[in-house]
Amino acid sequence: MPEFVIGARGHDFGRHTPDELFTSIGKAGFACTQLAYTKAIEGVKSYADVTPELVEATRAAATAAGVSIAVNGTYVELSYADEDKRRAEVAKVLSQIPVAKVLHAGCMGSETTNMAKQPGVTRKEAQEALLRSLGEILPICEEQGVLFAVECVYYHAMNTPEAVKMVLDTIASPNLRVLCDFANYVGPEDASLDAQRRIWDKVGSWYGDKITAVHFKGQNFRPDGTLYSTSLEDSCVDYAGGFAMLKQMPQAAFPVLREEAVPAHAASDIAFMRKFCE
């Protein structure tokens, strides 16, 4: 069975210097993190602010705190159908591949663009843009020895296990991986236990061996289908079924990253997460 390494998303701790951030994450009891420079590090407004000196300070802070960087989160819009916008987003990723390498990050990662950000663009058009973006990113990742992971979200361009499989099969890069957020697979129409179990069966059998990190958060739906965030205890997400699938995978270890963490609740969140990792 894989080892599950419990961590948290860095920017849920606020904006700090690298030392302050990694010390806080470690003291809260988390062993790894997802780091997004533009959201978590003081003074970083754009990727141009991520200097070699800052990257070295980050690497040293992570080492000192004993907190590994499971995901270098880039938070880019890879599915913009507008070519100028899309190329600008790809350029952000390309600028951070050497950063991920220096940090020994488990992978780089991104979602694939909320469809609401592109009114009038079809999902097929958004997915085609995503494929163009990944086709430009992955050769550089392969050259640098860096993994790049994409995340399925039910209201984004890559929105279903079928769409993830299509992307993986089309790009066919040994460096392309998947970020697995169980909550993000579950729309209001798939909230039943049976529907979720069917999703996990597809994820595990089609590309479970490509999962490089797991996100863990709480969500539920109002009667009108509106999504809202919850505590982990009040979530509709079938964590038990999801982790049963992960336990069958060949990976030696999975970072499991708490999203929307409240540092004051870290101990209870870690205890809740550990129940599914045993």
Protein backbone atom coordinates (compact mmCIF):
# COMPACT_ATOMS: atom_id res chain seq x y z
CA MET A 1 0.00 0.00 0.00
CA PRO A 2 1.30 3.49 -0.75
CA GLU A 3 2.42 5.74 2.07
CA PHE A 4 0.16 8.77 2.55
CA VAL A 5 2.02 11.96 3.50
CA ILE A 6 -0.30 14.58 4.96
CA GLY A 7 0.25 18.19 4.00
CA ALA A 8 -1.52 21.48 3.40
CA ARG A 9 -1.81 24.18 0.78
CA GLY A 10 0.66 26.94 1.59
CA HIS A 11 -1.44 30.02 0.90
CA ASP A 12 -4.07 28.90 3.40
CA PHE A 13 -1.50 30.06 5.96
CA GLY A 14 -1.43 33.56 4.46
CA ARG A 15 1.40 35.47 2.79
CA HIS A 16 4.77 35.16 4.52
CA THR A 17 8.49 35.00 3.96
CA PRO A 18 9.63 31.48 3.06
CA ASP A 19 11.02 30.94 6.57
CA GLU A 20 7.80 32.03 8.24
CA LEU A 21 5.62 30.04 5.87
CA PHE A 22 7.42 26.72 6.11
CA THR A 23 7.92 27.04 9.86
CA SER A 24 4.17 27.61 10.29
CA ILE A 25 3.26 24.64 8.09
CA GLY A 26 5.66 22.36 9.94
CA LYS A 27 4.54 23.49 13.40
CA ALA A 28 0.93 22.81 12.43
CA GLY A 29 1.90 19.17 11.90
CA PHE A 30 1.96 19.01 8.10
CA ALA A 31 4.82 17.25 6.32
CA CYS A 32 4.44 18.68 2.81
CA THR A 33 2.81 21.55 0.97
CA GLN A 34 1.53 22.92 -2.29
CA LEU A 35 3.41 26.16 -2.86
CA ALA A 36 2.02 28.92 -5.07
CA TYR A 37 4.50 31.80 -5.05
CA THR A 38 1.98 34.39 -6.24
CA LYS A 39 -0.43 33.49 -3.43
CA ALA A 40 1.79 32.51 -0.49
CA ILE A 41 5.05 34.45 -0.54
CA GLU A 42 5.31 38.04 0.62
CA GLY A 43 6.16 40.51 -2.14
CA VAL A 44 5.51 38.17 -5.08
CA LYS A 45 2.98 39.81 -7.36
CA SER A 46 3.95 37.99 -10.55
CA TYR A 47 6.28 35.21 -11.63
CA ALA A 48 8.83 37.86 -12.56
CA ASP A 49 9.28 38.39 -8.81
CA VAL A 50 10.42 34.78 -8.31
CA THR A 51 14.16 35.41 -8.33
CA PRO A 52 16.95 32.83 -7.98
CA GLU A 53 17.65 34.27 -4.51
CA LEU A 54 14.03 33.75 -3.46
CA VAL A 55 14.02 30.23 -4.83
CA GLU A 56 17.16 29.37 -2.87
CA ALA A 57 15.67 30.90 0.28
CA THR A 58 12.56 28.77 -0.28
CA ARG A 59 14.57 25.60 -0.74
CA ALA A 60 16.54 26.28 2.44
CA ALA A 61 13.38 27.10 4.43
CA ALA A 62 11.66 23.91 3.31
CA THR A 63 14.69 21.84 4.26
CA ALA A 64 15.03 23.51 7.67
CA ALA A 65 11.35 22.99 8.49
CA GLY A 66 11.29 19.40 7.22
CA VAL A 67 8.41 20.24 4.88
CA SER A 68 8.69 18.98 1.31
CA ILE A 69 7.18 20.76 -1.69
CA ALA A 70 4.79 18.21 -3.15
CA VAL A 71 3.31 20.57 -5.74
CA ASN A 72 4.64 23.79 -7.21
CA GLY A 73 1.24 25.33 -7.94
CA THR A 74 1.20 27.59 -10.97
CA TYR A 75 -2.51 28.58 -11.10
CA VAL A 76 -2.64 29.33 -14.80
CA GLU A 77 -5.39 29.26 -17.43
CA LEU A 78 -4.18 26.69 -19.94
CA SER A 79 -7.52 26.37 -21.73
CA TYR A 80 -8.00 29.91 -22.99
CA ALA A 81 -9.24 29.73 -26.57
CA ASP A 82 -7.85 33.22 -27.20
CA GLU A 83 -4.35 32.45 -28.49
CA ASP A 84 -2.68 35.56 -27.08
CA LYS A 85 -4.07 34.90 -23.63
CA ARG A 86 -3.22 31.21 -23.83
CA ARG A 87 0.39 31.82 -24.86
CA ALA A 88 0.83 34.29 -22.00
CA GLU A 89 -0.34 31.62 -19.54
CA VAL A 90 1.97 29.01 -21.06
CA ALA A 91 4.87 31.46 -20.71
CA LYS A 92 4.20 31.64 -16.97
CA VAL A 93 4.53 27.86 -16.69
CA LEU A 94 7.69 27.75 -18.78
CA SER A 95 9.29 30.37 -16.52
CA GLN A 96 8.65 28.18 -13.47
CA ILE A 97 9.92 24.82 -14.74
CA PRO A 98 13.53 25.61 -13.65
CA VAL A 99 12.14 26.79 -10.30
CA ALA A 100 10.35 23.48 -9.72
CA LYS A 101 13.56 21.65 -10.56
CA VAL A 102 15.64 23.61 -8.01
CA LEU A 103 12.97 23.11 -5.34
CA HIS A 104 12.85 19.36 -6.01
CA ALA A 105 9.07 19.75 -6.20
CA GLY A 106 7.15 16.52 -6.63
CA CYS A 107 5.45 18.13 -9.61
CA MET A 108 4.13 21.36 -11.03
CA GLY A 109 0.36 21.61 -11.13
CA SER A 110 -2.58 23.51 -12.54
CA GLU A 111 -6.31 23.29 -13.02
CA THR A 112 -7.59 23.68 -16.58
CA THR A 113 -9.72 26.89 -16.63
CA ASN A 114 -13.24 27.47 -15.38
CA MET A 115 -15.67 27.45 -18.33
CA ALA A 116 -17.38 30.53 -16.85
CA LYS A 117 -14.24 32.55 -17.66
CA GLN A 118 -14.87 32.08 -21.40
CA PRO A 119 -18.54 32.71 -22.22
CA GLY A 120 -19.32 31.46 -25.70
CA VAL A 121 -16.40 29.04 -25.83
CA THR A 122 -17.40 25.38 -26.06
CA ARG A 123 -15.79 22.74 -23.90
CA LYS A 124 -14.38 21.10 -27.03
CA GLU A 125 -12.68 24.38 -27.97
CA ALA A 126 -11.35 24.79 -24.43
CA GLN A 127 -10.00 21.23 -24.42
CA GLU A 128 -8.30 21.80 -27.76
CA ALA A 129 -6.62 24.89 -26.28
CA LEU A 130 -5.54 22.82 -23.29
CA LEU A 131 -3.95 20.27 -25.58
CA ARG A 132 -2.06 23.00 -27.42
CA SER A 133 -0.78 24.37 -24.10
CA LEU A 134 0.34 21.00 -22.80
CA GLY A 135 1.96 20.25 -26.15
CA GLU A 136 4.18 23.31 -25.60
CA ILE A 137 4.85 22.69 -21.90
CA LEU A 138 5.60 18.97 -21.73
CA PRO A 139 8.64 18.85 -24.05
CA ILE A 140 10.38 21.37 -21.77
CA CYS A 141 9.35 19.42 -18.68
CA GLU A 142 10.81 16.29 -20.24
CA GLU A 143 14.08 18.09 -20.97
CA GLN A 144 14.29 19.41 -17.38
CA GLY A 145 13.09 16.22 -15.66
CA VAL A 146 10.05 17.95 -14.13
CA LEU A 147 6.57 16.43 -13.84
CA PHE A 148 3.53 18.52 -14.77
CA ALA A 149 0.12 17.57 -13.37
CA VAL A 150 -3.35 18.71 -14.42
CA GLU A 151 -6.44 18.62 -12.22
CA CYS A 152 -9.95 17.59 -13.21
CA VAL A 153 -12.73 19.95 -12.05
CA TYR A 154 -16.33 19.25 -13.04
CA TYR A 155 -16.97 22.84 -14.23
CA HIS A 156 -13.59 23.32 -15.96
CA ALA A 157 -12.31 22.43 -19.44
CA MET A 158 -11.07 19.01 -18.27
CA ASN A 159 -14.16 17.98 -16.35
CA THR A 160 -14.59 14.20 -16.24
CA PRO A 161 -12.49 11.03 -16.02
CA GLU A 162 -13.19 10.60 -19.74
CA ALA A 163 -11.70 14.03 -20.45
CA VAL A 164 -8.63 13.31 -18.30
CA LYS A 165 -8.04 10.04 -20.14
CA MET A 166 -8.36 11.84 -23.49
CA VAL A 167 -5.77 14.43 -22.46
CA LEU A 168 -3.32 11.81 -21.16
CA ASP A 169 -3.73 9.64 -24.25
CA THR A 170 -3.40 12.56 -26.67
CA ILE A 171 -0.34 14.17 -25.10
CA ALA A 172 1.25 10.79 -24.29
CA SER A 173 4.13 12.31 -22.33
CA PRO A 174 5.94 10.35 -19.61
CA ASN A 175 6.07 13.58 -17.59
CA LEU A 176 2.33 14.33 -17.62
CA ARG A 177 0.57 13.50 -14.37
CA VAL A 178 -2.76 14.06 -12.58
CA LEU A 179 -3.67 15.95 -9.43
CA CYS A 180 -6.60 14.14 -7.83
CA ASP A 181 -9.07 16.27 -5.88
CA PHE A 182 -11.98 13.96 -5.10
CA ALA A 183 -14.30 16.89 -4.40
CA ASN A 184 -13.63 18.42 -7.81
CA TYR A 185 -14.93 15.34 -9.61
CA VAL A 186 -18.26 15.55 -7.80
CA GLY A 187 -20.94 17.81 -9.27
CA PRO A 188 -24.45 17.96 -7.81
CA GLU A 189 -25.65 15.24 -10.18
CA ASP A 190 -22.88 12.88 -8.99
CA ALA A 191 -23.15 13.42 -5.24
CA SER A 192 -24.69 10.02 -4.46
CA LEU A 193 -22.40 7.32 -3.11
CA ASP A 194 -23.04 5.05 -6.09
CA ALA A 195 -22.22 7.80 -8.58
CA GLN A 196 -19.00 8.67 -6.76
CA ARG A 197 -17.92 5.03 -6.61
CA ARG A 198 -18.37 4.80 -10.40
CA ILE A 199 -16.10 7.84 -10.77
CA TRP A 200 -13.38 6.33 -8.54
CA ASP A 201 -13.53 3.08 -10.53
CA LYS A 202 -12.84 5.02 -13.74
CA VAL A 203 -10.08 7.12 -12.19
CA GLY A 204 -8.32 4.11 -10.74
CA SER A 205 -8.58 1.83 -13.75
CA TRP A 206 -7.89 4.44 -16.44
CA TYR A 207 -5.08 6.53 -14.93
CA GLY A 208 -4.69 5.88 -11.23
CA ASP A 209 -1.02 5.15 -11.77
CA LYS A 210 -0.58 8.72 -13.09
CA ILE A 211 -1.81 10.42 -9.91
CA THR A 212 1.03 12.33 -8.28
CA ALA A 213 -0.76 14.20 -5.47
CA VAL A 214 -4.16 14.26 -3.77
CA HIS A 215 -6.20 17.27 -2.66
CA PHE A 216 -8.53 16.97 0.31
CA LYS A 217 -11.34 19.43 1.06
CA GLY A 218 -14.95 19.54 2.18
CA GLN A 219 -17.92 20.46 0.01
CA ASN A 220 -21.65 19.96 -0.28
CA PHE A 221 -24.58 21.17 -2.37
CA ARG A 222 -27.67 23.18 -1.56
CA PRO A 223 -31.06 21.92 -2.81
CA ASP A 224 -30.70 24.08 -5.94
CA GLY A 225 -27.35 22.44 -6.76
CA THR A 226 -25.20 25.37 -5.59
CA LEU A 227 -21.76 24.31 -4.38
CA TYR A 228 -20.48 25.44 -0.99
CA SER A 229 -17.44 24.66 1.17
CA THR A 230 -17.84 22.70 4.39
CA SER A 231 -15.78 21.25 7.18
CA LEU A 232 -14.33 17.85 6.35
CA GLU A 233 -16.87 16.23 8.67
CA ASP A 234 -19.85 17.79 6.85
CA SER A 235 -18.65 17.01 3.32
CA CYS A 236 -20.61 14.86 0.86
CA VAL A 237 -17.36 13.57 -0.68
CA ASP A 238 -16.83 9.81 -0.53
CA TYR A 239 -13.31 9.90 0.89
CA ALA A 240 -13.52 6.23 1.94
CA GLY A 241 -14.17 5.06 -1.61
CA GLY A 242 -11.56 7.39 -3.06
CA PHE A 243 -8.85 6.23 -0.70
CA ALA A 244 -9.79 2.58 -1.17
CA MET A 245 -9.00 3.15 -4.84
CA LEU A 246 -5.70 4.92 -4.08
CA LYS A 247 -4.58 2.06 -1.83
CA GLN A 248 -4.62 -0.24 -4.86
CA MET A 249 -2.23 1.97 -6.84
CA PRO A 250 1.47 1.16 -7.41
CA GLN A 251 2.89 4.51 -6.26
CA ALA A 252 5.23 4.33 -3.27
CA ALA A 253 3.67 7.43 -1.72
CA PHE A 254 0.96 10.04 -2.16
CA PRO A 255 1.09 13.56 -0.74
CA VAL A 256 -2.40 14.31 0.60
CA LEU A 257 -2.85 18.09 0.76
CA ARG A 258 -5.53 19.78 2.84
CA GLU A 259 -7.07 22.59 0.84
CA GLU A 260 -8.90 25.48 2.49
CA ALA A 261 -7.00 24.69 5.68
CA VAL A 262 -7.59 26.73 8.81
CA PRO A 263 -4.29 26.52 10.72
CA ALA A 264 -6.07 26.57 14.09
CA HIS A 265 -7.95 23.40 13.08
CA ALA A 266 -4.89 21.57 11.77
CA ALA A 267 -4.82 18.88 14.46
CA SER A 268 -8.46 17.85 13.97
CA ASP A 269 -8.10 17.96 10.18
CA ILE A 270 -4.99 15.77 10.30
CA ALA A 271 -6.80 13.27 12.56
CA PHE A 272 -9.75 13.17 10.16
CA MET A 273 -7.52 12.69 7.10
CA ARG A 274 -5.47 9.95 8.75
CA LYS A 275 -8.57 7.79 9.21
CA PHE A 276 -8.65 7.19 5.46
CA CYS A 277 -4.91 6.61 5.11
CA GLU A 278 -4.62 3.57 7.37
